[in-house]
Every structure is written in structure tokens, then in C-alpha cells.
Amino acid sequence: MTGVAIEADGLGVKYRGGDGKWVLRDCSFRLPAGRVCALVGPNGAGKSTLLALAAGLLRPTTGSVRVLGGTPAEARTRIAFVAQDKPLYPQLTVEAMLRAGAELNPDGWDREAAEHIAGDLPRRTRVRQLSGGQRARLALALALGKRPALILLDEPMADVDPLARHELMGALMAETAEHGTTLVMSSHLLTELEGACDYVLLVDGGRVRLGGETDDLLAAHTVLTGPVRDTAPHTAVESRTAGRMQTTLVRTEGPVDTGVWEATEPSLEELLLAHLRSPKVPALLTPSAAPAEEVAAR
């Protein structure tokens, strides 16, 4: 697939009541179509709000969001959204839920995909009797059966045991790769996302602080180990000192002096955690993730 799956421009959400805090503020980014994107960030960063905006379940207070080339409402039939609480009809059986999915999507239901993801779920058991992991599997089956162009998943594996999680992730990756589906998945399981996602959006403080291809973001950073000294001209993200040695994650600005530093590439988990612990470090968006006007100005 080509084009842009999600494009946010100055997006902001401020909920009424309470302290009137902005959940998202001046949030701008692009997500190319066909990517498997990890949406990460601390609790309260705005991940669920961003997914709900893209799904058309919320309206922004400021700015705009476009999905698959149109408004979220215009793209609704091409979007599948699985919320954290995985809303299903508790009184229906698994079989009835799958049948309802087919009836609600008469022009685009992929029965084979839905049945494959549903796996060995007991078809005559009511939804309210399913475990959290089983409900997650059923919700994902309904999402994949819709055969959407964009799948939005909010903490989809939180209730799933490690073995089932591995199986579901494998099936999900295979389905999206075969059909070029864009997948956006929020999760706290950073190590699991590293092997599954080729794109990252790190949301913190109501904005996207890191965005782009996973390989490009990793390549833009280096872990420098050596004597305690200034890492200029490189931008230090996070530094730790032990005796006379320091280890610093930097955003590289030009070649690294390997006569002074031992240089290694960080893992995705190291990169994301370091940026979360260093909120004052400037944001970094690769050209594919940056707003179009920002790219044009470079």
C-alpha cells in the first residue's frame, strides 16, 4: 500500500471537568500506510485518546486528524478498532458474535480469517463466561474478519498469557503482511513490540516525541562508553556514570570518535525508556513521520 494511513495536524484534546488538562496538545505526525506501528508511552500520555480520535469515536478540541485520506467518519468502514475493555455482547455466544460480525459487514467479511484467529474458542460458550485472554482473541477475530485497511489496537494482549500472546501476535503479523494492512498497536510490552513492529510513535506530554521507521530511529542513536567527558557534538539523551567511566545514549551528530568511545547500537527498549526518562530532549521524527510542511521546510 502507498499513501498515508493517519495524519495529525496540531491535534489537541482537552476533556471538560476536573483540572481541564490537555491530553494531547499540538500533536502532529504522519503514519505511512502498510506499516506495523508500535504506539508507546506512559500511562496518561494520550495513546488511547489518539486511537479513539483515529477511529472517529472522539472529536478533537483543536487541530485535525485524517485517516486513509479522509475524515475518520468517511473511513469508518475501512477501520477496525479494538479498545482496552474489548466491548463485546456478553449474552451472545462466540458463534453468535462471529455471525454478527459477518452480518454487520456483508460486503467485506473474511470468514476464513475470523475463524483462524478465533481458533479453538468454544463456539457455544457465552462471551461473559470467557476468560480475558479468550475475549481478546474473539475481539481480534472480529477485527481481522472485517478485512480493514487500518487496524487500531489498544493494549490488545494485556489479558493474554505469554504462549497465547506469542501465537496471536504471529497470526496477526501474518494476516497484516499478506494484505498490506496498516496496524497501530499500543502496548507496554516493549520487548515484544521490538520484533513485531517496523514503525514507532512515542507519545509523551501530549505530543509525539519519537516517530518513524524503527531501524532509522535506532540508527540515529548510539550508546557511547568511555571516560567521563562531554559527548559534544552529539546530543546526550541519557547518561550513567560508574567510577571513571560513563555510558551515554546519544543522538549522533556526525561520526563517532572510536578512539575515545566504544560505540554500540541500542535496543528499541533502551531507546524508548531513555527518551521517556529524558522529557527535555528535543523530539525526533523521520521524514516519513514528520508533518508534510515540516519536511518541505527542511
Protein backbone atom coordinates (compact mmCIF):
# COMPACT_ATOMS: atom_id res chain seq x y z
CA MET A 1 0.00 0.00 0.00
CA THR A 2 1.09 3.59 -0.59
CA GLY A 3 -0.04 6.86 0.91
CA VAL A 4 -0.68 7.98 4.47
CA ALA A 5 -2.80 5.98 6.90
CA ILE A 6 -3.06 8.60 9.66
CA GLU A 7 -2.11 12.28 9.55
CA ALA A 8 -2.49 14.56 12.57
CA ASP A 9 -2.13 18.33 12.32
CA GLY A 10 -1.98 20.35 15.53
CA LEU A 11 -4.18 17.75 17.19
CA GLY A 12 -5.35 18.58 20.70
CA VAL A 13 -7.86 17.15 23.16
CA LYS A 14 -8.92 18.78 26.41
CA TYR A 15 -11.52 16.99 28.48
CA ARG A 16 -14.11 19.02 30.32
CA GLY A 17 -14.26 18.98 34.10
CA GLY A 18 -11.50 18.18 36.56
CA ASP A 19 -8.38 20.30 36.13
CA GLY A 20 -9.05 20.83 32.43
CA LYS A 21 -5.77 19.19 31.48
CA TRP A 22 -4.81 18.76 27.83
CA VAL A 23 -4.44 15.05 27.00
CA LEU A 24 -2.97 15.84 23.58
CA ARG A 25 -1.62 19.26 22.60
CA ASP A 26 -0.24 20.42 19.25
CA CYS A 27 0.30 16.79 18.17
CA SER A 28 1.42 16.49 14.55
CA PHE A 29 2.73 13.45 12.69
CA ARG A 30 2.17 11.12 9.74
CA LEU A 31 1.95 7.34 9.63
CA PRO A 32 2.56 5.79 6.18
CA ALA A 33 0.14 3.10 5.03
CA GLY A 34 1.17 -0.54 5.27
CA ARG A 35 3.22 -0.16 8.46
CA VAL A 36 3.05 -2.17 11.68
CA CYS A 37 3.32 0.63 14.22
CA ALA A 38 4.03 0.46 17.96
CA LEU A 39 2.26 3.27 19.81
CA VAL A 40 4.08 3.60 23.11
CA GLY A 41 4.22 5.95 26.06
CA PRO A 42 3.50 6.17 29.79
CA ASN A 43 0.02 5.91 31.28
CA GLY A 44 -1.94 9.08 30.64
CA ALA A 45 0.23 10.10 27.69
CA GLY A 46 -2.75 10.14 25.31
CA LYS A 47 -2.33 6.83 23.47
CA SER A 48 -5.93 5.67 23.96
CA THR A 49 -7.20 9.15 23.12
CA LEU A 50 -5.19 9.20 19.90
CA LEU A 51 -6.58 5.82 18.84
CA ALA A 52 -10.14 6.90 19.66
CA LEU A 53 -9.67 10.05 17.55
CA ALA A 54 -8.41 7.99 14.60
CA ALA A 55 -11.37 5.62 15.00
CA GLY A 56 -13.81 8.54 14.93
CA LEU A 57 -15.04 7.96 18.49
CA LEU A 58 -13.80 11.36 19.71
CA ARG A 59 -13.65 14.81 18.21
CA PRO A 60 -10.52 16.91 18.68
CA THR A 61 -10.63 20.13 20.66
CA THR A 62 -8.09 21.66 18.28
CA GLY A 63 -6.44 20.59 15.05
CA SER A 64 -7.46 17.72 12.81
CA VAL A 65 -6.81 14.09 12.02
CA ARG A 66 -7.19 12.43 8.63
CA VAL A 67 -7.46 8.68 8.21
CA LEU A 68 -6.90 6.84 4.92
CA GLY A 69 -7.19 10.10 3.01
CA GLY A 70 -10.44 11.32 4.57
CA THR A 71 -12.12 12.06 7.86
CA PRO A 72 -12.43 9.25 10.40
CA ALA A 73 -16.17 9.16 9.69
CA GLU A 74 -15.58 8.73 5.96
CA ALA A 75 -13.07 5.92 6.61
CA ARG A 76 -15.09 4.12 9.29
CA THR A 77 -16.00 1.09 7.20
CA ARG A 78 -12.29 0.55 6.48
CA ILE A 79 -11.20 0.77 10.13
CA ALA A 80 -11.25 -1.89 12.84
CA PHE A 81 -10.79 -0.72 16.43
CA VAL A 82 -10.29 -2.92 19.50
CA ALA A 83 -10.48 -0.90 22.72
CA GLN A 84 -8.81 -1.84 26.01
CA ASP A 85 -12.03 -3.19 27.53
CA LYS A 86 -12.81 -5.16 24.34
CA PRO A 87 -16.54 -4.36 24.25
CA LEU A 88 -18.47 -7.45 23.20
CA TYR A 89 -22.06 -8.56 23.79
CA PRO A 90 -21.78 -10.64 26.99
CA GLN A 91 -25.04 -12.52 26.45
CA LEU A 92 -24.08 -13.79 22.98
CA THR A 93 -22.15 -16.97 22.32
CA VAL A 94 -18.85 -16.98 20.46
CA GLU A 95 -20.62 -18.40 17.42
CA ALA A 96 -23.28 -15.67 17.57
CA MET A 97 -20.62 -12.95 17.82
CA LEU A 98 -18.84 -14.25 14.75
CA ARG A 99 -22.15 -14.46 12.90
CA ALA A 100 -22.96 -10.88 13.95
CA GLY A 101 -19.62 -9.76 12.56
CA ALA A 102 -20.49 -11.30 9.20
CA GLU A 103 -23.97 -9.74 9.17
CA LEU A 104 -22.67 -6.28 10.08
CA ASN A 105 -20.06 -6.41 7.31
CA PRO A 106 -21.91 -8.04 4.39
CA ASP A 107 -19.61 -6.64 1.71
CA GLY A 108 -16.26 -7.34 3.30
CA TRP A 109 -16.37 -10.18 5.82
CA ASP A 110 -13.50 -12.65 5.66
CA ARG A 111 -14.92 -15.70 7.40
CA GLU A 112 -11.74 -17.72 6.99
CA ALA A 113 -9.58 -15.07 8.68
CA ALA A 114 -12.06 -14.66 11.55
CA GLU A 115 -12.28 -18.40 12.14
CA HIS A 116 -8.50 -18.73 12.00
CA ILE A 117 -7.92 -16.09 14.69
CA ALA A 118 -10.81 -17.42 16.81
CA GLY A 119 -9.05 -20.79 16.78
CA ASP A 120 -10.38 -23.26 19.33
CA LEU A 121 -12.63 -20.85 21.21
CA PRO A 122 -15.71 -22.82 22.38
CA ARG A 123 -18.36 -21.69 19.92
CA ARG A 124 -21.35 -22.33 22.23
CA THR A 125 -19.90 -20.53 25.25
CA ARG A 126 -21.29 -17.10 26.08
CA VAL A 127 -18.92 -14.15 25.99
CA ARG A 128 -19.42 -13.40 29.69
CA GLN A 129 -18.04 -16.87 30.50
CA LEU A 130 -14.81 -16.38 28.54
CA SER A 131 -11.50 -15.55 30.19
CA GLY A 132 -9.81 -12.22 29.48
CA GLY A 133 -7.47 -13.87 27.02
CA GLN A 134 -10.34 -15.59 25.21
CA ARG A 135 -12.23 -12.30 24.90
CA ALA A 136 -9.11 -10.71 23.45
CA ARG A 137 -8.87 -13.49 20.85
CA LEU A 138 -12.53 -13.08 19.90
CA ALA A 139 -12.19 -9.29 19.59
CA LEU A 140 -9.16 -9.71 17.32
CA ALA A 141 -11.04 -12.29 15.23
CA LEU A 142 -13.85 -9.77 14.67
CA ALA A 143 -11.33 -7.05 13.78
CA LEU A 144 -9.48 -9.22 11.24
CA GLY A 145 -12.70 -10.62 9.80
CA LYS A 146 -13.73 -7.13 8.79
CA ARG A 147 -10.71 -7.12 6.48
CA PRO A 148 -9.95 -3.45 7.25
CA ALA A 149 -7.30 -1.23 5.70
CA LEU A 150 -6.39 0.05 9.17
CA ILE A 151 -6.47 -1.83 12.48
CA LEU A 152 -6.24 0.11 15.75
CA LEU A 153 -5.48 -1.99 18.83
CA ASP A 154 -5.38 -0.54 22.34
CA GLU A 155 -3.38 -2.85 24.66
CA PRO A 156 -4.78 -5.93 22.85
CA MET A 157 -2.62 -8.53 24.62
CA ALA A 158 -2.85 -7.24 28.20
CA ASP A 159 -5.03 -10.17 29.33
CA VAL A 160 -3.36 -12.87 27.25
CA ASP A 161 -0.90 -15.41 28.70
CA PRO A 162 2.62 -15.49 27.16
CA LEU A 163 2.11 -18.59 25.00
CA ALA A 164 -1.24 -17.43 23.59
CA ARG A 165 0.22 -13.96 23.13
CA HIS A 166 3.02 -15.35 21.01
CA GLU A 167 0.56 -17.33 18.87
CA LEU A 168 -1.82 -14.38 18.44
CA MET A 169 0.98 -11.98 17.53
CA GLY A 170 2.24 -14.42 14.92
CA ALA A 171 -1.21 -14.83 13.38
CA LEU A 172 -1.80 -11.08 13.47
CA MET A 173 1.52 -10.31 11.79
CA ALA A 174 0.89 -12.92 9.08
CA GLU A 175 -2.58 -11.56 8.29
CA THR A 176 -1.46 -7.94 8.10
CA ALA A 177 1.61 -8.78 5.99
CA GLU A 178 -0.43 -10.79 3.48
CA HIS A 179 -2.93 -7.99 2.88
CA GLY A 180 -0.72 -4.91 3.42
CA THR A 181 -2.90 -3.80 6.31
CA THR A 182 -1.77 -0.87 8.45
CA LEU A 183 -1.63 -1.87 12.11
CA VAL A 184 -1.30 0.50 15.06
CA MET A 185 -0.89 -1.22 18.41
CA SER A 186 -0.41 0.40 21.80
CA SER A 187 1.33 -1.74 24.38
CA HIS A 188 3.58 -1.67 27.43
CA LEU A 189 5.33 -4.86 26.28
CA LEU A 190 8.32 -3.13 24.69
CA THR A 191 10.43 -6.24 24.16
CA GLU A 192 7.60 -7.93 22.29
CA LEU A 193 7.00 -4.92 20.06
CA GLU A 194 10.66 -4.78 19.02
CA GLY A 195 10.41 -7.94 16.97
CA ALA A 196 6.96 -7.24 15.55
CA CYS A 197 6.81 -3.56 14.61
CA ASP A 198 8.66 -1.69 11.88
CA TYR A 199 7.43 1.75 12.93
CA VAL A 200 7.29 3.60 16.25
CA LEU A 201 5.32 6.53 17.64
CA LEU A 202 6.38 7.51 21.16
CA VAL A 203 3.76 9.74 22.78
CA ASP A 204 4.64 11.69 25.90
CA GLY A 205 3.49 15.01 27.26
CA GLY A 206 0.65 15.10 24.75
CA ARG A 207 2.95 15.07 21.71
CA VAL A 208 4.83 12.59 19.53
CA ARG A 209 8.45 12.75 20.73
CA LEU A 210 9.84 9.96 18.56
CA GLY A 211 8.35 8.86 15.27
CA GLY A 212 9.50 6.89 12.27
CA GLU A 213 10.94 3.64 11.00
CA THR A 214 12.33 1.53 13.83
CA ASP A 215 15.63 0.90 12.01
CA ASP A 216 16.10 4.60 11.23
CA LEU A 217 15.43 5.68 14.81
CA LEU A 218 17.88 3.10 16.14
CA ALA A 219 20.49 4.10 13.57
CA ALA A 220 20.17 7.74 14.67
CA HIS A 221 21.28 6.82 18.19
CA THR A 222 24.43 5.26 19.65
CA VAL A 223 25.48 4.10 23.09
CA LEU A 224 28.89 5.60 23.89
CA THR A 225 31.02 4.04 26.63
CA GLY A 226 34.28 5.63 27.75
CA PRO A 227 35.93 8.11 30.13
CA VAL A 228 33.80 10.78 31.78
CA ARG A 229 33.73 13.69 29.35
CA ASP A 230 31.46 15.83 27.19
CA THR A 231 29.80 13.92 24.34
CA ALA A 232 29.51 17.00 22.09
CA PRO A 233 28.74 17.41 19.23
CA HIS A 234 26.34 14.55 19.86
CA THR A 235 23.07 15.20 21.72
CA ALA A 236 23.05 13.31 25.02
CA VAL A 237 19.74 11.62 25.77
CA GLU A 238 20.67 9.81 28.98
CA SER A 239 23.97 9.24 30.78
CA ARG A 240 25.14 6.97 33.61
CA THR A 241 28.48 7.19 35.39
CA ALA A 242 30.31 4.39 37.22
CA GLY A 243 33.67 5.41 38.65
CA ARG A 244 35.75 6.94 35.87
CA MET A 245 33.59 5.55 33.07
CA GLN A 246 30.33 6.78 31.64
CA THR A 247 27.74 5.24 29.36
CA THR A 248 25.66 7.70 27.36
CA LEU A 249 22.89 7.21 24.84
CA VAL A 250 23.34 9.95 22.26
CA ARG A 251 21.63 11.14 19.13
CA THR A 252 24.60 11.09 16.81
CA GLU A 253 25.62 14.28 15.01
CA GLY A 254 28.34 13.18 12.60
CA PRO A 255 30.98 10.46 13.02
CA VAL A 256 31.82 8.95 16.43
CA ASP A 257 35.43 9.17 17.68
CA THR A 258 36.08 5.46 18.23
CA GLY A 259 39.49 6.31 19.64
CA VAL A 260 37.72 7.68 22.70
CA TRP A 261 34.38 5.86 22.75
CA GLU A 262 33.22 2.30 22.39
CA ALA A 263 30.08 2.61 20.25
CA THR A 264 27.16 0.16 20.21
CA GLU A 265 23.61 0.31 18.88
CA PRO A 266 20.86 0.49 21.50
CA SER A 267 17.93 -1.89 21.64
CA LEU A 268 14.50 -0.45 20.96
CA GLU A 269 13.59 -0.86 24.63
CA GLU A 270 16.71 1.04 25.72
CA LEU A 271 15.97 3.82 23.25
CA LEU A 272 12.34 4.28 24.27
CA LEU A 273 12.97 4.11 28.02
CA ALA A 274 15.83 6.59 27.78
CA HIS A 275 13.64 9.11 25.95
CA LEU A 276 10.82 8.61 28.45
CA ARG A 277 13.24 9.35 31.29
CA SER A 278 14.54 12.43 29.46
CA PRO A 279 11.48 14.52 28.52
CA LYS A 280 13.53 17.64 27.72
CA VAL A 281 15.38 16.03 24.81
CA PRO A 282 14.08 17.51 21.51
CA ALA A 283 11.62 15.42 19.51
CA LEU A 284 12.85 13.40 16.54
CA LEU A 285 10.59 12.49 13.63
CA THR A 286 11.99 10.86 10.49
CA PRO A 287 10.88 12.37 7.14
CA SER A 288 8.07 9.83 6.74
CA ALA A 289 6.65 10.68 10.17
CA ALA A 290 7.13 14.44 10.16
CA PRO A 291 4.28 16.73 9.05
CA ALA A 292 4.41 17.48 5.32
CA GLU A 293 5.08 21.21 5.81
CA GLU A 294 7.99 20.43 8.14
CA VAL A 295 9.56 18.12 5.57
CA ALA A 296 9.14 20.74 2.85
CA ALA A 297 10.90 23.33 5.03
CA ARG A 298 13.98 21.14 5.62
